[in-house]
Amino acid sequence: MDRADRSKKEPVEIICPKCRYTEIIYFPVDDLPLCPKCKIPMIISELLDEGKSY
């Protein structure tokens, strides 16, 4: 997989910095939404690429 090509949709976990509500959206198609509970902009928590390394 070519990591330089970021033009296709990729899953991203977003989180509300206030209440910690999390959601998964797809970039670059979706915009960062507002938290449904707090009505403040959510932030990116994690890029959901293949596999994890601990």
C-alpha atoms as a PDB file:
ATOM      1  CA  MET A   1       0.000   0.000   0.000  1.00  0.00           C
ATOM      2  CA  ASP A   2       1.372   3.358  -0.981  1.00  0.00           C
ATOM      3  CA  ARG A   3       1.274   5.593   2.118  1.00  0.00           C
ATOM      4  CA  ALA A   4       1.753   8.757   0.030  1.00  0.00           C
ATOM      5  CA  ASP A   5      -1.711   8.352  -1.512  1.00  0.00           C
ATOM      6  CA  ARG A   6      -4.122   9.873   1.024  1.00  0.00           C
ATOM      7  CA  SER A   7      -6.812  10.733  -1.542  1.00  0.00           C
ATOM      8  CA  LYS A   8      -8.996   7.699  -0.807  1.00  0.00           C
ATOM      9  CA  LYS A   9     -11.381   7.360   2.121  1.00  0.00           C
ATOM     10  CA  GLU A  10      -9.750   6.305   5.392  1.00  0.00           C
ATOM     11  CA  PRO A  11     -11.456   5.573   8.726  1.00  0.00           C
ATOM     12  CA  VAL A  12     -10.657   7.987  11.552  1.00  0.00           C
ATOM     13  CA  GLU A  13     -11.777   7.837  15.177  1.00  0.00           C
ATOM     14  CA  ILE A  14     -12.913  11.207  16.510  1.00  0.00           C
ATOM     15  CA  ILE A  15     -13.618  12.154  20.126  1.00  0.00           C
ATOM     16  CA  CYS A  16     -15.301  14.970  22.023  1.00  0.00           C
ATOM     17  CA  PRO A  17     -12.706  16.678  24.243  1.00  0.00           C
ATOM     18  CA  LYS A  18     -15.356  17.471  26.850  1.00  0.00           C
ATOM     19  CA  CYS A  19     -17.546  14.352  27.323  1.00  0.00           C
ATOM     20  CA  ARG A  20     -15.263  11.779  25.550  1.00  0.00           C
ATOM     21  CA  TYR A  21     -18.016  10.655  23.117  1.00  0.00           C
ATOM     22  CA  THR A  22     -16.337   8.770  20.236  1.00  0.00           C
ATOM     23  CA  GLU A  23     -17.361   8.120  16.654  1.00  0.00           C
ATOM     24  CA  ILE A  24     -15.769   6.745  13.479  1.00  0.00           C
ATOM     25  CA  ILE A  25     -15.924   8.789  10.276  1.00  0.00           C
ATOM     26  CA  TYR A  26     -14.224   8.544   6.884  1.00  0.00           C
ATOM     27  CA  PHE A  27     -11.742  11.169   5.654  1.00  0.00           C
ATOM     28  CA  PRO A  28     -11.588  13.072   3.327  1.00  0.00           C
ATOM     29  CA  VAL A  29     -15.305  12.573   2.585  1.00  0.00           C
ATOM     30  CA  ASP A  30     -16.768  13.567   5.981  1.00  0.00           C
ATOM     31  CA  ASP A  31     -16.137  16.814   7.802  1.00  0.00           C
ATOM     32  CA  LEU A  32     -15.432  16.888  11.528  1.00  0.00           C
ATOM     33  CA  PRO A  33     -18.890  16.964  13.117  1.00  0.00           C
ATOM     34  CA  LEU A  34     -20.113  18.586  16.300  1.00  0.00           C
ATOM     35  CA  CYS A  35     -20.606  16.403  19.364  1.00  0.00           C
ATOM     36  CA  PRO A  36     -24.296  15.436  19.569  1.00  0.00           C
ATOM     37  CA  LYS A  37     -24.264  15.901  23.363  1.00  0.00           C
ATOM     38  CA  CYS A  38     -22.072  19.003  23.918  1.00  0.00           C
ATOM     39  CA  LYS A  39     -22.444  20.731  20.526  1.00  0.00           C
ATOM     40  CA  ILE A  40     -18.698  21.488  20.335  1.00  0.00           C
ATOM     41  CA  PRO A  41     -16.328  20.440  17.500  1.00  0.00           C
ATOM     42  CA  MET A  42     -14.868  16.958  17.863  1.00  0.00           C
ATOM     43  CA  ILE A  43     -11.142  16.231  17.403  1.00  0.00           C
ATOM     44  CA  ILE A  44      -9.223  13.370  15.778  1.00  0.00           C
ATOM     45  CA  SER A  45      -8.301  10.686  18.295  1.00  0.00           C
ATOM     46  CA  GLU A  46      -6.744   8.009  16.111  1.00  0.00           C
ATOM     47  CA  LEU A  47      -6.139   7.109  12.472  1.00  0.00           C
ATOM     48  CA  LEU A  48      -7.517   3.608  11.997  1.00  0.00           C
ATOM     49  CA  ASP A  49      -4.892   2.099   9.726  1.00  0.00           C
ATOM     50  CA  GLU A  50      -4.224  -1.605   9.356  1.00  0.00           C
ATOM     51  CA  GLY A  51      -2.953  -3.266  12.504  1.00  0.00           C
ATOM     52  CA  LYS A  52      -1.555  -1.794  15.694  1.00  0.00           C
ATOM     53  CA  SER A  53       1.854  -1.847  17.247  1.00  0.00           C
ATOM     54  CA  TYR A  54       2.311  -1.840  21.004  1.00  0.00           C
END
